[in-house]
Protein backbone atom coordinates (compact mmCIF):
# COMPACT_ATOMS: atom_id res chain seq x y z
CA MET A 1 -75.15 -49.86 196.20
CA LEU A 2 -72.10 -51.10 194.28
CA SER A 3 -71.80 -54.16 196.42
CA ILE A 4 -74.27 -56.07 194.27
CA LEU A 5 -71.79 -55.96 191.47
CA ALA A 6 -69.98 -58.75 193.31
CA ASP A 7 -72.65 -61.01 191.85
CA ARG A 8 -71.05 -62.17 188.51
CA THR A 9 -74.31 -62.76 186.62
CA TYR A 10 -75.71 -59.37 187.51
CA ARG A 11 -72.44 -57.63 186.89
CA HIS A 12 -72.32 -58.96 183.34
CA LEU A 13 -76.03 -58.00 182.79
CA PHE A 14 -75.32 -54.54 184.06
CA LEU A 15 -72.27 -54.05 181.83
CA ALA A 16 -74.30 -55.38 178.93
CA GLN A 17 -76.90 -52.66 179.65
CA ILE A 18 -74.21 -49.85 179.76
CA VAL A 19 -72.51 -50.85 176.46
CA ALA A 20 -75.96 -51.12 174.69
CA LEU A 21 -76.99 -47.73 176.10
CA LEU A 22 -73.78 -46.14 174.92
CA GLY A 23 -74.34 -47.62 171.43
CA THR A 24 -77.90 -46.37 171.41
CA GLY A 25 -76.81 -42.85 172.45
CA LEU A 26 -74.37 -42.70 169.56
CA ALA A 27 -77.09 -43.79 167.20
CA THR A 28 -79.39 -41.01 168.42
CA VAL A 29 -76.77 -38.37 167.45
CA ALA A 30 -75.96 -40.06 164.12
CA LEU A 31 -79.70 -40.31 163.17
CA GLY A 32 -80.22 -36.61 163.52
CA LEU A 33 -77.24 -36.00 161.18
CA LEU A 34 -78.41 -38.67 158.78
CA ALA A 35 -81.88 -37.18 158.65
CA TYR A 36 -80.41 -33.75 157.81
CA ASP A 37 -78.34 -35.30 155.06
CA LEU A 38 -81.29 -37.08 153.52
CA ALA A 39 -84.11 -34.50 154.08
CA GLY A 40 -82.37 -31.06 154.60
CA GLU A 41 -84.96 -28.66 155.99
CA ASN A 42 -87.46 -31.49 156.47
CA ALA A 43 -85.15 -33.31 158.93
CA ALA A 44 -87.37 -32.37 161.86
CA MET A 45 -90.26 -34.12 160.12
CA VAL A 46 -88.18 -37.14 159.42
CA LEU A 47 -87.00 -37.38 163.14
CA GLY A 48 -90.59 -36.86 164.28
CA THR A 49 -91.71 -39.81 162.15
CA VAL A 50 -88.77 -41.86 163.45
CA PHE A 51 -89.75 -41.17 166.98
CA THR A 52 -93.45 -42.08 166.30
CA ILE A 53 -92.24 -45.38 164.69
CA LYS A 54 -90.18 -46.04 167.75
CA MET A 55 -93.22 -45.48 170.09
CA VAL A 56 -95.57 -47.58 167.92
CA ALA A 57 -92.99 -50.51 167.91
CA TYR A 58 -92.72 -50.21 171.69
CA VAL A 59 -96.49 -50.08 172.28
CA GLY A 60 -97.33 -52.80 169.72
CA VAL A 61 -94.51 -55.25 169.75
CA ALA A 62 -93.69 -55.45 173.55
CA PRO A 63 -96.84 -57.25 174.72
CA VAL A 64 -96.55 -59.78 171.82
CA ALA A 65 -92.85 -60.41 172.53
CA GLY A 66 -93.47 -60.67 176.29
CA ALA A 67 -96.17 -63.35 175.61
CA PHE A 68 -93.67 -65.73 174.08
CA ALA A 69 -90.73 -64.94 176.25
CA ASP A 70 -91.40 -68.03 178.39
CA ARG A 71 -91.17 -70.19 175.19
CA VAL A 72 -87.61 -69.55 174.49
CA ASN A 73 -84.39 -69.72 176.53
CA ARG A 74 -83.85 -66.15 177.86
CA ARG A 75 -80.24 -66.11 177.15
CA VAL A 76 -80.79 -67.24 173.56
CA LEU A 77 -83.57 -64.74 173.10
CA LEU A 78 -81.54 -61.79 174.46
CA VAL A 79 -78.52 -62.52 172.39
CA ALA A 80 -80.56 -63.10 169.24
CA LEU A 81 -82.34 -59.68 169.73
CA ASP A 82 -78.96 -57.96 170.29
CA LEU A 83 -77.70 -59.40 167.03
CA VAL A 84 -80.84 -58.17 165.21
CA ARG A 85 -80.26 -54.68 166.65
CA ALA A 86 -76.59 -54.81 165.62
CA GLY A 87 -77.64 -55.83 162.09
CA GLY A 88 -80.10 -52.97 161.86
CA ALA A 89 -77.55 -50.45 163.04
CA LEU A 90 -74.95 -51.81 160.61
CA ALA A 91 -77.30 -51.18 157.61
CA LEU A 92 -78.04 -47.54 158.55
CA PRO A 93 -74.91 -46.02 157.10
CA PHE A 94 -75.77 -47.48 153.64
CA VAL A 95 -79.30 -46.09 153.30
CA SER A 96 -80.04 -43.63 150.56
CA GLU A 97 -83.81 -43.07 151.01
CA VAL A 98 -85.85 -41.88 153.96
CA TRP A 99 -88.24 -44.91 153.74
CA GLN A 100 -85.27 -47.22 154.24
CA VAL A 101 -84.52 -45.37 157.55
CA TYR A 102 -88.03 -45.88 158.66
CA GLY A 103 -87.91 -49.58 157.88
CA LEU A 104 -84.57 -50.18 159.68
CA ILE A 105 -85.75 -48.13 162.76
CA PHE A 106 -88.88 -50.14 163.01
CA LEU A 107 -86.80 -53.35 162.94
CA LEU A 108 -84.28 -52.04 165.47
CA GLN A 109 -86.92 -50.69 167.85
CA SER A 110 -89.03 -53.78 167.56
CA ALA A 111 -86.06 -55.86 168.71
CA SER A 112 -85.59 -53.30 171.59
CA ALA A 113 -89.19 -53.62 172.52
CA ALA A 114 -88.70 -57.34 172.91
CA PHE A 115 -85.30 -57.09 174.44
CA THR A 116 -85.89 -54.48 177.27
CA PRO A 117 -88.86 -56.03 179.17
CA THR A 118 -87.28 -59.52 178.98
CA PHE A 119 -84.05 -58.14 180.26
CA GLN A 120 -85.79 -56.21 183.02
CA ALA A 121 -87.81 -59.40 183.98
CA THR A 122 -84.62 -61.36 184.33
CA ILE A 123 -83.02 -59.18 187.03
CA PRO A 124 -85.40 -60.08 189.82
CA ASP A 125 -84.70 -63.75 189.08
CA VAL A 126 -80.96 -63.11 189.29
CA LEU A 127 -81.36 -60.97 192.45
CA PRO A 128 -84.46 -62.41 194.31
CA GLU A 129 -83.81 -60.52 197.53
CA GLU A 130 -85.72 -57.28 197.63
CA GLU A 131 -82.99 -55.12 199.16
CA ARG A 132 -80.50 -56.14 196.59
CA TYR A 133 -82.93 -55.74 193.74
CA THR A 134 -83.81 -52.27 194.84
CA ARG A 135 -80.07 -51.33 194.57
CA ALA A 136 -79.98 -52.90 191.18
CA LEU A 137 -82.86 -50.67 190.05
CA SER A 138 -81.02 -47.63 191.30
CA LEU A 139 -77.90 -48.65 189.40
CA SER A 140 -80.03 -49.17 186.29
CA ARG A 141 -81.55 -45.66 186.69
CA LEU A 142 -78.04 -44.25 187.10
CA ALA A 143 -76.88 -46.02 183.91
CA TYR A 144 -79.77 -44.37 181.94
CA ASP A 145 -78.84 -40.95 183.41
CA LEU A 146 -75.15 -41.27 182.74
CA GLU A 147 -75.94 -42.44 179.15
CA ASN A 148 -77.71 -39.07 178.54
CA ILE A 149 -74.51 -37.29 179.55
CA VAL A 150 -71.74 -39.56 178.27
CA SER A 151 -73.15 -40.60 174.86
CA PRO A 152 -73.50 -36.97 173.50
CA THR A 153 -70.00 -36.12 174.85
CA LEU A 154 -68.45 -39.27 173.29
CA ALA A 155 -70.26 -38.58 169.96
CA ALA A 156 -68.90 -35.03 169.95
CA LEU A 157 -65.31 -36.29 170.42
CA LEU A 158 -65.59 -38.98 167.78
CA LEU A 159 -67.02 -36.58 165.23
CA THR A 160 -63.88 -34.48 165.41
CA VAL A 161 -61.93 -37.46 163.85
CA MET A 162 -64.54 -39.37 161.83
CA SER A 163 -67.81 -38.98 159.89
CA TYR A 164 -71.20 -39.40 161.59
CA ASN A 165 -71.81 -42.65 159.66
CA SER A 166 -68.98 -44.12 161.71
CA LEU A 167 -71.02 -43.58 164.90
CA PHE A 168 -73.35 -46.32 163.75
CA LEU A 169 -70.42 -48.64 163.96
CA GLY A 170 -70.12 -47.73 167.62
CA THR A 171 -73.75 -48.70 167.95
CA VAL A 172 -73.02 -52.12 166.36
CA VAL A 173 -70.09 -52.55 168.81
CA GLY A 174 -72.36 -51.67 171.67
CA PHE A 175 -74.95 -54.30 170.80
CA LEU A 176 -72.37 -56.89 169.95
CA GLY A 177 -70.67 -56.26 173.36
CA SER A 178 -74.03 -56.67 175.12
CA ALA A 179 -74.63 -59.99 173.32
CA LEU A 180 -71.12 -61.27 174.34
CA LEU A 181 -71.75 -60.25 178.03
CA VAL A 182 -75.18 -61.92 178.06
CA VAL A 183 -73.87 -65.11 176.51
CA SER A 184 -71.15 -65.28 179.07
CA VAL A 185 -73.50 -66.03 182.00
CA LEU A 186 -76.26 -68.53 182.68
CA LEU A 187 -79.71 -67.01 183.09
CA PRO A 188 -82.79 -68.34 184.84
CA SER A 189 -85.62 -69.05 182.35
CA PRO A 190 -88.81 -69.87 184.31
CA LYS A 191 -91.39 -71.80 182.37
CA ALA A 192 -95.09 -71.48 182.26
CA THR A 193 -96.83 -73.94 184.57
CA ALA A 194 -99.65 -74.78 182.04
CA PRO A 195 -99.93 -74.46 178.18
CA ARG A 196 -101.81 -71.24 177.02
CA GLY A 197 -103.34 -70.25 173.83
CA ILE A 198 -102.07 -67.40 171.70
CA TYR A 199 -104.62 -64.92 172.85
CA ASP A 200 -104.00 -65.68 176.47
CA ARG A 201 -100.23 -65.42 176.10
CA THR A 202 -100.48 -62.21 174.17
CA THR A 203 -102.92 -60.42 176.45
CA ARG A 204 -101.93 -61.94 179.71
CA GLY A 205 -99.46 -59.40 180.85
CA ILE A 206 -101.83 -56.47 180.22
CA ARG A 207 -104.77 -58.37 181.86
CA ILE A 208 -102.67 -59.09 184.92
CA TYR A 209 -101.49 -55.38 184.94
CA LEU A 210 -104.97 -53.88 184.71
CA ALA A 211 -106.38 -56.29 187.28
CA THR A 212 -103.86 -55.29 189.88
CA PRO A 213 -104.67 -52.10 191.88
CA ARG A 214 -101.03 -51.17 192.51
CA LEU A 215 -100.26 -51.50 188.91
CA ARG A 216 -103.36 -49.49 187.86
CA GLY A 217 -102.00 -46.79 190.14
CA LEU A 218 -98.56 -47.15 188.60
CA LEU A 219 -100.22 -46.54 185.09
CA ALA A 220 -101.62 -43.30 186.42
CA LEU A 221 -98.29 -42.26 187.69
CA ASN A 222 -96.72 -43.24 184.31
CA MET A 223 -98.93 -40.52 182.82
CA ALA A 224 -97.70 -38.05 185.44
CA VAL A 225 -94.11 -38.92 184.60
CA ALA A 226 -94.77 -38.54 180.84
CA ALA A 227 -96.49 -35.23 181.24
CA ALA A 228 -93.63 -33.65 183.21
CA GLY A 229 -90.92 -35.48 181.23
CA ALA A 230 -92.40 -34.34 177.92
CA MET A 231 -92.23 -30.75 179.11
CA VAL A 232 -88.48 -31.14 179.73
CA LEU A 233 -87.60 -33.31 176.72
CA VAL A 234 -89.73 -31.63 174.01
CA ASN A 235 -89.69 -27.98 175.13
CA SER A 236 -86.23 -27.37 176.73
CA VAL A 237 -84.78 -26.43 173.28
CA ILE A 238 -87.39 -23.73 172.83
CA LEU A 239 -86.98 -22.39 176.34
CA VAL A 240 -83.12 -22.24 176.11
CA ARG A 241 -82.46 -21.43 172.49
CA GLY A 242 -85.67 -19.59 171.62
CA MET A 243 -86.78 -17.72 174.76
CA LEU A 244 -83.43 -17.18 176.43
CA GLY A 245 -81.34 -16.96 173.33
CA LEU A 246 -78.64 -19.17 174.82
CA SER A 247 -76.19 -21.55 172.96
CA GLU A 248 -76.27 -25.32 172.31
CA VAL A 249 -73.95 -25.68 175.18
CA ALA A 250 -76.45 -24.02 177.56
CA LEU A 251 -79.06 -26.53 176.35
CA ALA A 252 -76.72 -29.43 177.08
CA TRP A 253 -76.16 -28.07 180.60
CA THR A 254 -79.89 -27.61 180.97
CA MET A 255 -80.41 -31.25 180.18
CA PHE A 256 -77.65 -32.19 182.39
CA ALA A 257 -79.48 -30.56 185.31
CA PHE A 258 -82.44 -32.77 184.69
CA GLY A 259 -80.25 -35.92 184.47
CA PHE A 260 -78.28 -34.84 187.59
CA GLY A 261 -81.50 -34.50 189.59
CA SER A 262 -82.39 -37.99 188.51
CA MET A 263 -79.00 -39.29 189.47
CA ILE A 264 -79.26 -37.72 193.00
CA ALA A 265 -82.57 -39.58 193.47
CA ALA A 266 -81.06 -42.82 192.28
CA PHE A 267 -78.35 -42.54 195.01
CA VAL A 268 -80.70 -41.64 197.76
CA LEU A 269 -83.64 -43.89 197.05
CA PRO A 270 -82.20 -47.36 198.14
CA ARG A 271 -81.89 -46.20 201.80
CA VAL A 272 -85.20 -44.36 201.59
CA LEU A 273 -87.01 -47.48 200.27
CA ASP A 274 -85.48 -49.63 203.04
CA ARG A 275 -87.51 -47.49 205.46
CA MET A 276 -90.62 -46.42 203.52
CA ALA A 277 -93.15 -48.11 201.26
CA ASP A 278 -93.15 -47.57 197.54
CA ARG A 279 -96.51 -45.80 197.37
CA PRO A 280 -95.69 -42.63 199.46
CA VAL A 281 -92.26 -42.27 197.80
CA MET A 282 -93.70 -42.47 194.30
CA LEU A 283 -96.60 -40.12 195.04
CA ALA A 284 -94.17 -37.71 196.65
CA GLY A 285 -91.99 -37.74 193.54
CA ALA A 286 -94.94 -37.13 191.21
CA GLY A 287 -96.07 -34.31 193.59
CA VAL A 288 -92.64 -32.69 193.31
CA MET A 289 -92.88 -32.66 189.43
CA VAL A 290 -96.33 -31.09 189.58
CA ALA A 291 -95.25 -28.41 192.21
CA VAL A 292 -92.26 -27.49 190.22
CA LEU A 293 -94.11 -27.04 186.88
CA LEU A 294 -96.70 -24.85 188.66
CA ALA A 295 -93.94 -22.86 190.46
CA LEU A 296 -92.03 -22.33 187.26
CA ALA A 297 -95.23 -21.10 185.48
CA ALA A 298 -95.95 -18.67 188.32
CA ALA A 299 -92.30 -17.39 188.33
CA MET A 300 -92.31 -16.83 184.55
CA LEU A 301 -95.57 -14.76 184.90
CA ALA A 302 -94.15 -12.69 187.76
CA LEU A 303 -90.42 -12.39 186.86
CA GLY A 304 -89.93 -13.88 183.44
CA LEU A 305 -87.71 -16.84 182.64
CA THR A 306 -84.04 -16.99 183.65
CA TRP A 307 -81.55 -19.74 183.04
CA PRO A 308 -80.78 -20.42 186.68
CA MET A 309 -84.47 -20.68 187.40
CA LEU A 310 -84.91 -23.19 184.76
CA MET A 311 -81.76 -25.18 185.83
CA VAL A 312 -83.14 -25.44 189.38
CA ALA A 313 -86.57 -26.49 188.18
CA TRP A 314 -85.27 -29.18 185.85
CA LEU A 315 -83.01 -30.47 188.66
CA ALA A 316 -86.09 -30.91 190.91
CA VAL A 317 -88.22 -32.42 188.13
CA GLY A 318 -85.40 -34.91 187.43
CA PHE A 319 -85.39 -35.88 191.15
CA GLY A 320 -89.13 -36.41 191.16
CA TYR A 321 -88.96 -38.30 187.79
CA SER A 322 -86.54 -40.76 189.26
CA ALA A 323 -88.40 -41.22 192.48
CA VAL A 324 -91.40 -42.48 190.52
CA LEU A 325 -89.60 -44.60 187.92
CA THR A 326 -86.96 -46.38 190.17
CA PRO A 327 -89.39 -48.18 192.49
CA SER A 328 -91.81 -49.08 189.70
CA SER A 329 -90.01 -52.33 188.80
CA ARG A 330 -90.38 -53.45 192.45
CA LEU A 331 -94.19 -53.20 192.09
CA LEU A 332 -94.02 -55.31 188.84
CA ARG A 333 -91.72 -57.86 190.58
CA ARG A 334 -94.11 -58.51 193.49
CA SER A 335 -97.23 -58.48 191.28
CA ALA A 336 -96.46 -61.49 189.18
CA HIS A 337 -94.69 -64.96 189.49
CA ALA A 338 -91.47 -65.56 187.68
CA GLU A 339 -92.98 -67.17 184.60
CA ASP A 340 -95.36 -64.17 184.09
CA ARG A 341 -92.80 -61.44 184.67
CA PRO A 342 -91.69 -61.03 181.02
CA ALA A 343 -95.40 -60.45 180.09
CA VAL A 344 -96.00 -58.02 182.91
CA PHE A 345 -92.80 -56.09 182.30
CA ALA A 346 -93.74 -55.94 178.66
CA ALA A 347 -97.20 -54.59 179.59
CA GLN A 348 -95.48 -51.85 181.61
CA PHE A 349 -93.19 -51.10 178.84
CA ALA A 350 -96.05 -50.78 176.27
CA LEU A 351 -98.45 -48.83 178.54
CA SER A 352 -95.81 -46.41 179.80
CA HIS A 353 -94.71 -45.69 176.29
CA ALA A 354 -98.37 -45.15 175.29
CA CYS A 355 -98.47 -42.42 177.91
CA TRP A 356 -95.41 -40.79 176.33
CA LEU A 357 -96.93 -41.18 172.85
CA LEU A 358 -99.80 -38.96 174.03
CA CYS A 359 -97.80 -36.47 176.03
CA TYR A 360 -95.00 -35.86 173.51
CA PRO A 361 -97.21 -34.32 170.82
CA LEU A 362 -99.32 -32.53 173.44
CA ALA A 363 -96.26 -30.79 174.93
CA GLY A 364 -95.14 -29.68 171.47
CA TRP A 365 -98.55 -28.49 170.37
CA LEU A 366 -99.14 -26.56 173.61
CA MET A 367 -95.78 -24.87 173.41
CA THR A 368 -96.24 -23.93 169.74
CA ARG A 369 -99.82 -22.80 170.00
CA PHE A 370 -100.10 -21.19 173.43
CA GLY A 371 -96.59 -20.69 174.82
CA ALA A 372 -94.54 -21.93 177.74
CA VAL A 373 -96.74 -20.86 180.72
CA THR A 374 -99.80 -22.60 179.24
CA ALA A 375 -97.82 -25.71 178.46
CA LEU A 376 -96.48 -25.78 182.02
CA LEU A 377 -99.93 -25.35 183.49
CA VAL A 378 -101.73 -27.84 181.30
CA LEU A 379 -99.04 -30.56 181.71
CA ALA A 380 -98.95 -29.96 185.47
CA LEU A 381 -102.74 -30.49 185.41
CA VAL A 382 -102.31 -33.79 183.48
CA ALA A 383 -99.65 -34.92 185.92
CA ALA A 384 -101.85 -33.86 188.99
CA LEU A 385 -104.80 -35.85 187.46
CA GLY A 386 -102.50 -38.91 187.27
CA ILE A 387 -101.72 -38.54 190.98
CA ILE A 388 -105.39 -38.16 191.88
CA ILE A 389 -106.30 -41.34 189.93
CA ALA A 390 -103.31 -43.16 191.44
CA LEU A 391 -104.54 -42.28 194.92
CA ARG A 392 -107.94 -43.72 194.05
CA LEU A 393 -106.78 -46.89 192.32
CA TRP A 394 -103.84 -47.80 194.60
CA PRO A 395 -105.05 -48.59 198.12
CA ALA A 396 -102.92 -47.02 200.89
CA SER A 397 -103.26 -50.45 202.71
CA ASP A 398 -101.64 -52.23 199.82
CA THR A 399 -99.20 -54.90 200.95
CA ALA A 400 -96.83 -57.34 199.16
CA GLU A 401 -99.28 -60.32 199.77
CA VAL A 402 -103.02 -60.18 200.23
CA GLU A 403 -105.19 -62.96 201.68
CA HIS A 404 -108.08 -63.76 199.26
CA THR A 405 -110.51 -66.59 198.37
CA HIS A 406 -111.52 -68.16 195.19
CA ASP A 407 -115.22 -68.85 195.88
CA ASN A 408 -116.19 -67.15 192.57
CA LEU A 409 -113.87 -69.19 190.35
CA LEU A 410 -114.86 -72.14 188.21
CA PRO A 411 -114.18 -75.56 189.65
CA ASP A 412 -111.40 -76.44 187.16
CA HIS A 413 -109.41 -73.29 187.90
CA PRO A 414 -105.87 -74.29 188.99
CA HIS A 415 -106.11 -72.18 192.17
CA LEU A 416 -108.84 -74.54 193.36
CA GLN A 417 -106.67 -77.63 193.04
CA GLY A 418 -106.34 -78.33 196.81
CA HIS A 419 -106.69 -74.87 198.28
CA ARG A 420 -109.51 -72.41 198.80
CA THR A 421 -107.82 -69.59 200.79
CA HIS A 422 -104.13 -68.55 200.61
CA SER A 423 -101.92 -65.60 199.73
CA HIS A 424 -100.14 -64.57 196.54
CA ALA A 425 -97.74 -61.87 195.63
CA LEU A 426 -100.25 -60.72 192.94
CA VAL A 427 -102.91 -58.33 194.20
CA ILE A 428 -106.04 -58.43 192.17
CA ASP A 429 -109.25 -56.48 192.96
CA ASP A 430 -112.03 -57.37 195.22
CA GLN A 431 -113.85 -59.46 192.69
CA HIS A 432 -110.56 -61.24 191.68
CA PRO A 433 -111.57 -62.19 188.08
CA LYS A 434 -110.37 -65.56 186.79
CA TRP A 435 -108.42 -64.01 184.05
CA GLY A 436 -106.54 -61.71 186.35
CA THR A 437 -104.43 -64.24 188.20
CA SER A 438 -100.78 -64.67 187.66
CA PHE A 439 -100.75 -68.48 187.34
């Protein structure tokens, strides 16, 4: 898996991702302390609003940014967005009002909503071979999991010698380091083959996404991931601190179990995906999450909750979580041509975060109103429903390329300029609507 780091361009992009993630992790810790400083007992409400602003920025800004990504040199765009994020982080230590935090977070997360899909869409152009790209995806998943472990640890060490406001400077350094690494390499910037209007550019990624059976299935699996993930991320603190009465350290180890399960999957998946198609692997991963949530609910009813039981459950959920998410970018890569990838990756970014926007409050409300067992059962049901929908929307016979005709298209459609029947990487539905193509 590490052999792909021999590619200089990818190596610099991967390092850019790591330093930016470390900076973001430091900002997460510092934001919690800043919210407590500004709002005291209302800090939870402030953080809840910050998180909502983050999701709204992701859902609303990503498709618009993805629509214009092919109009700007990708390296210039990524560096500019890193500088915007660094500027937003640099201003956070100087705020004195809660509304100022909200404004800066919206600016910072809007830049991230534009940066992340464009960055993700660049990797398959740098590593066009599927085998190498798959290993890059596993490394990327591993980087996210390590960030969840390393950033809080680094923050705890830094807080012993400096104030929390200084952590924001670490965030600034992370984004500036990312910008320097990106500017140090040349990046491919595929251009659109034909001029398009604002509406077409803005909605194109989502229209391609929703017109592609495998991506409609992916959206359903995104809901399954969000349901199971929300149970872990929202309710672990209640399970560990409230129900088990354990310490903050125990909570950290519980979250480590989830991340470690995801890391195991990231190591195993490249070889598995060399031998198996994405669909059965992703469906199996989602099935593992559902089975674990149901098993944990049953065990709690029969035996009560224990910490080892919860650790094993979250380890397994983390494995299933990564088994769904890691191959998802392979589906996006093969479902659009290079010039459309930023828009399609932006659509995935927005739609997947819309699933989280629904599941986060649902998980919290179920836990508060009905308790852990009900939360586990309902969220398992939501995840299972996602699997059922994915089975119906994503054909088992799905292949990378599908032969199709354009008899139902208008005469001036670009697909009809010289060819009536051919194959594309993009899979549309049987009707193949004109607006669903990737050209």
